[in-house]
Amino acid sequence: FPDLVPGGSSSGSAAAVADGLVDVAI
């Protein structure tokens, strides 16, 4: 949802998984 915020505070963790950059995140 590129027009919306990723949410926080663990924004990068969620976005990395959603983008398929990693299998899981902490």
PDB file of all heavy atoms in Angstrom:
ATOM      1  N   PHE A   1       0.857  -1.190   0.000  1.00  0.00           N
ATOM      2  CA  PHE A   1       0.000   0.000   0.000  1.00  0.00           C
ATOM      3  C   PHE A   1       0.899   1.247   0.000  1.00  0.00           C
ATOM      4  O   PHE A   1       1.006   1.944   1.006  1.00  0.00           O
ATOM      5  CB  PHE A   1      -0.928  -0.009   1.223  1.00  0.00           C
ATOM      6  CG  PHE A   1      -1.654  -1.324   1.403  1.00  0.00           C
ATOM      7  CD1 PHE A   1      -1.221  -2.257   2.334  1.00  0.00           C
ATOM      8  CD2 PHE A   1      -2.757  -1.625   0.627  1.00  0.00           C
ATOM      9  CE1 PHE A   1      -1.881  -3.470   2.496  1.00  0.00           C
ATOM     10  CE2 PHE A   1      -3.434  -2.827   0.786  1.00  0.00           C
ATOM     11  CZ  PHE A   1      -2.994  -3.761   1.715  1.00  0.00           C
ATOM     12  N   PRO A   2       1.563   1.518  -1.131  1.00  0.00           N
ATOM     13  CA  PRO A   2       2.619   2.545  -1.155  1.00  0.00           C
ATOM     14  C   PRO A   2       2.138   3.958  -0.855  1.00  0.00           C
ATOM     15  O   PRO A   2       2.967   4.819  -0.541  1.00  0.00           O
ATOM     16  CB  PRO A   2       3.184   2.433  -2.577  1.00  0.00           C
ATOM     17  CG  PRO A   2       2.146   1.713  -3.366  1.00  0.00           C
ATOM     18  CD  PRO A   2       1.450   0.810  -2.414  1.00  0.00           C
ATOM     19  N   ASP A   3       0.853   4.216  -0.919  1.00  0.00           N
ATOM     20  CA  ASP A   3       0.346   5.547  -0.585  1.00  0.00           C
ATOM     21  C   ASP A   3       0.060   5.699   0.908  1.00  0.00           C
ATOM     22  O   ASP A   3      -0.332   6.788   1.348  1.00  0.00           O
ATOM     23  CB  ASP A   3      -0.940   5.840  -1.375  1.00  0.00           C
ATOM     24  CG  ASP A   3      -0.687   5.949  -2.870  1.00  0.00           C
ATOM     25  OD1 ASP A   3       0.443   6.317  -3.247  1.00  0.00           O
ATOM     26  OD2 ASP A   3      -1.611   5.661  -3.647  1.00  0.00           O
ATOM     27  N   LEU A   4       0.247   4.627   1.665  1.00  0.00           N
ATOM     28  CA  LEU A   4      -0.064   4.631   3.087  1.00  0.00           C
ATOM     29  C   LEU A   4       1.209   4.412   3.906  1.00  0.00           C
ATOM     30  O   LEU A   4       2.208   3.908   3.401  1.00  0.00           O
ATOM     31  CB  LEU A   4      -1.085   3.539   3.420  1.00  0.00           C
ATOM     32  CG  LEU A   4      -2.402   3.591   2.640  1.00  0.00           C
ATOM     33  CD1 LEU A   4      -3.282   2.407   3.009  1.00  0.00           C
ATOM     34  CD2 LEU A   4      -3.133   4.902   2.898  1.00  0.00           C
ATOM     35  N   VAL A   5       1.172   4.803   5.182  1.00  0.00           N
ATOM     36  CA  VAL A   5       2.338   4.605   6.050  1.00  0.00           C
ATOM     37  C   VAL A   5       2.559   3.114   6.280  1.00  0.00           C
ATOM     38  O   VAL A   5       1.618   2.311   6.216  1.00  0.00           O
ATOM     39  CB  VAL A   5       2.175   5.329   7.400  1.00  0.00           C
ATOM     40  CG1 VAL A   5       2.099   6.825   7.216  1.00  0.00           C
ATOM     41  CG2 VAL A   5       0.986   4.791   8.189  1.00  0.00           C
ATOM     42  N   PRO A   6       3.802   2.710   6.597  1.00  0.00           N
ATOM     43  CA  PRO A   6       4.075   1.309   6.896  1.00  0.00           C
ATOM     44  C   PRO A   6       3.669   0.912   8.311  1.00  0.00           C
ATOM     45  O   PRO A   6       3.625  -0.275   8.629  1.00  0.00           O
ATOM     46  CB  PRO A   6       5.593   1.197   6.723  1.00  0.00           C
ATOM     47  CG  PRO A   6       6.080   2.569   7.094  1.00  0.00           C
ATOM     48  CD  PRO A   6       5.036   3.524   6.590  1.00  0.00           C
ATOM     49  N   GLY A   7       3.374   1.910   9.146  1.00  0.00           N
ATOM     50  CA  GLY A   7       3.099   1.611  10.552  1.00  0.00           C
ATOM     51  C   GLY A   7       4.385   1.528  11.341  1.00  0.00           C
ATOM     52  O   GLY A   7       5.466   1.321  10.790  1.00  0.00           O
ATOM     53  N   GLY A   8       4.265   1.714  12.649  1.00  0.00           N
ATOM     54  CA  GLY A   8       5.465   1.677  13.487  1.00  0.00           C
ATOM     55  C   GLY A   8       5.181   1.012  14.823  1.00  0.00           C
ATOM     56  O   GLY A   8       4.043   0.641  15.093  1.00  0.00           O
ATOM     57  N   SER A   9       6.197   0.835  15.633  1.00  0.00           N
ATOM     58  CA  SER A   9       7.517   1.372  15.349  1.00  0.00           C
ATOM     59  C   SER A   9       8.410   0.426  14.552  1.00  0.00           C
ATOM     60  O   SER A   9       9.435   0.848  14.011  1.00  0.00           O
ATOM     61  CB  SER A   9       8.222   1.734  16.660  1.00  0.00           C
ATOM     62  OG  SER A   9       8.468   0.581  17.441  1.00  0.00           O
ATOM     63  N   SER A  10       8.016  -0.848  14.433  1.00  0.00           N
ATOM     64  CA  SER A  10       8.847  -1.824  13.715  1.00  0.00           C
ATOM     65  C   SER A  10       8.558  -1.759  12.214  1.00  0.00           C
ATOM     66  O   SER A  10       8.298  -2.778  11.563  1.00  0.00           O
ATOM     67  CB  SER A  10       8.592  -3.230  14.257  1.00  0.00           C
ATOM     68  OG  SER A  10       8.793  -3.302  15.647  1.00  0.00           O
ATOM     69  N   SER A  11       8.638  -0.547  11.654  1.00  0.00           N
ATOM     70  CA  SER A  11       8.253  -0.314  10.264  1.00  0.00           C
ATOM     71  C   SER A  11       9.118  -1.102   9.285  1.00  0.00           C
ATOM     72  O   SER A  11       8.609  -1.748   8.367  1.00  0.00           O
ATOM     73  CB  SER A  11       8.345   1.176   9.951  1.00  0.00           C
ATOM     74  OG  SER A  11       9.637   1.687  10.296  1.00  0.00           O
ATOM     75  N   GLY A  12      10.426  -1.036   9.453  1.00  0.00           N
ATOM     76  CA  GLY A  12      11.323  -1.717   8.533  1.00  0.00           C
ATOM     77  C   GLY A  12      11.185  -3.223   8.575  1.00  0.00           C
ATOM     78  O   GLY A  12      11.307  -3.895   7.540  1.00  0.00           O
ATOM     79  N   SER A  13      10.911  -3.763   9.749  1.00  0.00           N
ATOM     80  CA  SER A  13      10.758  -5.211   9.882  1.00  0.00           C
ATOM     81  C   SER A  13       9.562  -5.695   9.072  1.00  0.00           C
ATOM     82  O   SER A  13       9.644  -6.679   8.330  1.00  0.00           O
ATOM     83  CB  SER A  13      10.594  -5.590  11.357  1.00  0.00           C
ATOM     84  OG  SER A  13      11.718  -5.196  12.122  1.00  0.00           O
ATOM     85  N   ALA A  14       8.417  -5.005   9.218  1.00  0.00           N
ATOM     86  CA  ALA A  14       7.214  -5.399   8.492  1.00  0.00           C
ATOM     87  C   ALA A  14       7.384  -5.189   6.991  1.00  0.00           C
ATOM     88  O   ALA A  14       7.001  -6.040   6.178  1.00  0.00           O
ATOM     89  CB  ALA A  14       6.013  -4.612   9.009  1.00  0.00           C
ATOM     90  N   ALA A  15       7.950  -4.043   6.608  1.00  0.00           N
ATOM     91  CA  ALA A  15       8.100  -3.725   5.190  1.00  0.00           C
ATOM     92  C   ALA A  15       9.061  -4.681   4.502  1.00  0.00           C
ATOM     93  O   ALA A  15       8.852  -5.059   3.337  1.00  0.00           O
ATOM     94  CB  ALA A  15       8.572  -2.283   5.033  1.00  0.00           C
ATOM     95  N   ALA A  16      10.135  -5.084   5.185  1.00  0.00           N
ATOM     96  CA  ALA A  16      11.103  -6.001   4.587  1.00  0.00           C
ATOM     97  C   ALA A  16      10.464  -7.346   4.273  1.00  0.00           C
ATOM     98  O   ALA A  16      10.742  -7.959   3.236  1.00  0.00           O
ATOM     99  CB  ALA A  16      12.303  -6.181   5.519  1.00  0.00           C
ATOM    100  N   VAL A  17       9.590  -7.812   5.165  1.00  0.00           N
ATOM    101  CA  VAL A  17       8.883  -9.073   4.922  1.00  0.00           C
ATOM    102  C   VAL A  17       7.859  -8.900   3.801  1.00  0.00           C
ATOM    103  O   VAL A  17       7.760  -9.727   2.882  1.00  0.00           O
ATOM    104  CB  VAL A  17       8.201  -9.571   6.207  1.00  0.00           C
ATOM    105  CG1 VAL A  17       7.266 -10.740   5.915  1.00  0.00           C
ATOM    106  CG2 VAL A  17       9.245  -9.994   7.239  1.00  0.00           C
ATOM    107  N   ALA A  18       7.094  -7.811   3.847  1.00  0.00           N
ATOM    108  CA  ALA A  18       6.066  -7.576   2.836  1.00  0.00           C
ATOM    109  C   ALA A  18       6.664  -7.443   1.440  1.00  0.00           C
ATOM    110  O   ALA A  18       6.045  -7.835   0.445  1.00  0.00           O
ATOM    111  CB  ALA A  18       5.263  -6.334   3.193  1.00  0.00           C
ATOM    112  N   ASP A  19       7.876  -6.902   1.361  1.00  0.00           N
ATOM    113  CA  ASP A  19       8.540  -6.699   0.077  1.00  0.00           C
ATOM    114  C   ASP A  19       9.288  -7.942  -0.408  1.00  0.00           C
ATOM    115  O   ASP A  19       9.871  -7.927  -1.487  1.00  0.00           O
ATOM    116  CB  ASP A  19       9.519  -5.523   0.187  1.00  0.00           C
ATOM    117  CG  ASP A  19       9.791  -4.864  -1.155  1.00  0.00           C
ATOM    118  OD1 ASP A  19       8.948  -4.985  -2.064  1.00  0.00           O
ATOM    119  OD2 ASP A  19      10.842  -4.212  -1.293  1.00  0.00           O
ATOM    120  N   GLY A  20       9.300  -8.991   0.419  1.00  0.00           N
ATOM    121  CA  GLY A  20       9.989 -10.210   0.044  1.00  0.00           C
ATOM    122  C   GLY A  20      11.491 -10.131   0.139  1.00  0.00           C
ATOM    123  O   GLY A  20      12.206 -10.984  -0.400  1.00  0.00           O
ATOM    124  N   LEU A  21      12.005  -9.114   0.840  1.00  0.00           N
ATOM    125  CA  LEU A  21      13.453  -8.958   0.978  1.00  0.00           C
ATOM    126  C   LEU A  21      14.037  -9.984   1.936  1.00  0.00           C
ATOM    127  O   LEU A  21      15.222 -10.333   1.834  1.00  0.00           O
ATOM    128  CB  LEU A  21      13.785  -7.543   1.463  1.00  0.00           C
ATOM    129  CG  LEU A  21      13.318  -6.401   0.555  1.00  0.00           C
ATOM    130  CD1 LEU A  21      13.644  -5.058   1.191  1.00  0.00           C
ATOM    131  CD2 LEU A  21      13.962  -6.509  -0.819  1.00  0.00           C
ATOM    132  N   VAL A  22      13.234 -10.428   2.890  1.00  0.00           N
ATOM    133  CA  VAL A  22      13.647 -11.436   3.861  1.00  0.00           C
ATOM    134  C   VAL A  22      12.480 -12.388   4.093  1.00  0.00           C
ATOM    135  O   VAL A  22      11.316 -12.070   3.808  1.00  0.00           O
ATOM    136  CB  VAL A  22      14.073 -10.810   5.216  1.00  0.00           C
ATOM    137  CG1 VAL A  22      15.390 -10.073   5.090  1.00  0.00           C
ATOM    138  CG2 VAL A  22      12.983  -9.903   5.758  1.00  0.00           C
ATOM    139  N   ASP A  23      12.805 -13.560   4.639  1.00  0.00           N
ATOM    140  CA  ASP A  23      11.754 -14.537   4.951  1.00  0.00           C
ATOM    141  C   ASP A  23      10.991 -14.152   6.212  1.00  0.00           C
ATOM    142  O   ASP A  23       9.772 -14.313   6.278  1.00  0.00           O
ATOM    143  CB  ASP A  23      12.381 -15.925   5.116  1.00  0.00           C
ATOM    144  CG  ASP A  23      13.044 -16.408   3.834  1.00  0.00           C
ATOM    145  OD1 ASP A  23      12.382 -16.391   2.779  1.00  0.00           O
ATOM    146  OD2 ASP A  23      14.232 -16.790   3.890  1.00  0.00           O
ATOM    147  N   VAL A  24      11.722 -13.668   7.200  1.00  0.00           N
ATOM    148  CA  VAL A  24      11.123 -13.263   8.471  1.00  0.00           C
ATOM    149  C   VAL A  24      11.866 -12.042   8.987  1.00  0.00           C
ATOM    150  O   VAL A  24      12.931 -11.680   8.469  1.00  0.00           O
ATOM    151  CB  VAL A  24      11.175 -14.392   9.533  1.00  0.00           C
ATOM    152  CG1 VAL A  24      10.339 -15.590   9.106  1.00  0.00           C
ATOM    153  CG2 VAL A  24      12.619 -14.818   9.803  1.00  0.00           C
ATOM    154  N   ALA A  25      11.312 -11.404   9.996  1.00  0.00           N
ATOM    155  CA  ALA A  25      11.980 -10.263  10.622  1.00  0.00           C
ATOM    156  C   ALA A  25      11.652 -10.258  12.105  1.00  0.00           C
ATOM    157  O   ALA A  25      10.651 -10.849  12.535  1.00  0.00           O
ATOM    158  CB  ALA A  25      11.551  -8.951   9.969  1.00  0.00           C
ATOM    159  N   ILE A  26      12.488  -9.555  12.852  1.00  0.00           N
ATOM    160  CA  ILE A  26      12.283  -9.422  14.297  1.00  0.00           C
ATOM    161  C   ILE A  26      12.010  -7.957  14.609  1.00  0.00           C
ATOM    162  O   ILE A  26      12.702  -7.059  14.128  1.00  0.00           O
ATOM    163  CB  ILE A  26      13.518  -9.897  15.087  1.00  0.00           C
ATOM    164  CG1 ILE A  26      13.811 -11.370  14.766  1.00  0.00           C
ATOM    165  CG2 ILE A  26      13.289  -9.717  16.581  1.00  0.00           C
ATOM    166  CD1 ILE A  26      12.731 -12.347  15.168  1.00  0.00           C
TER     167      ILE A  26
END
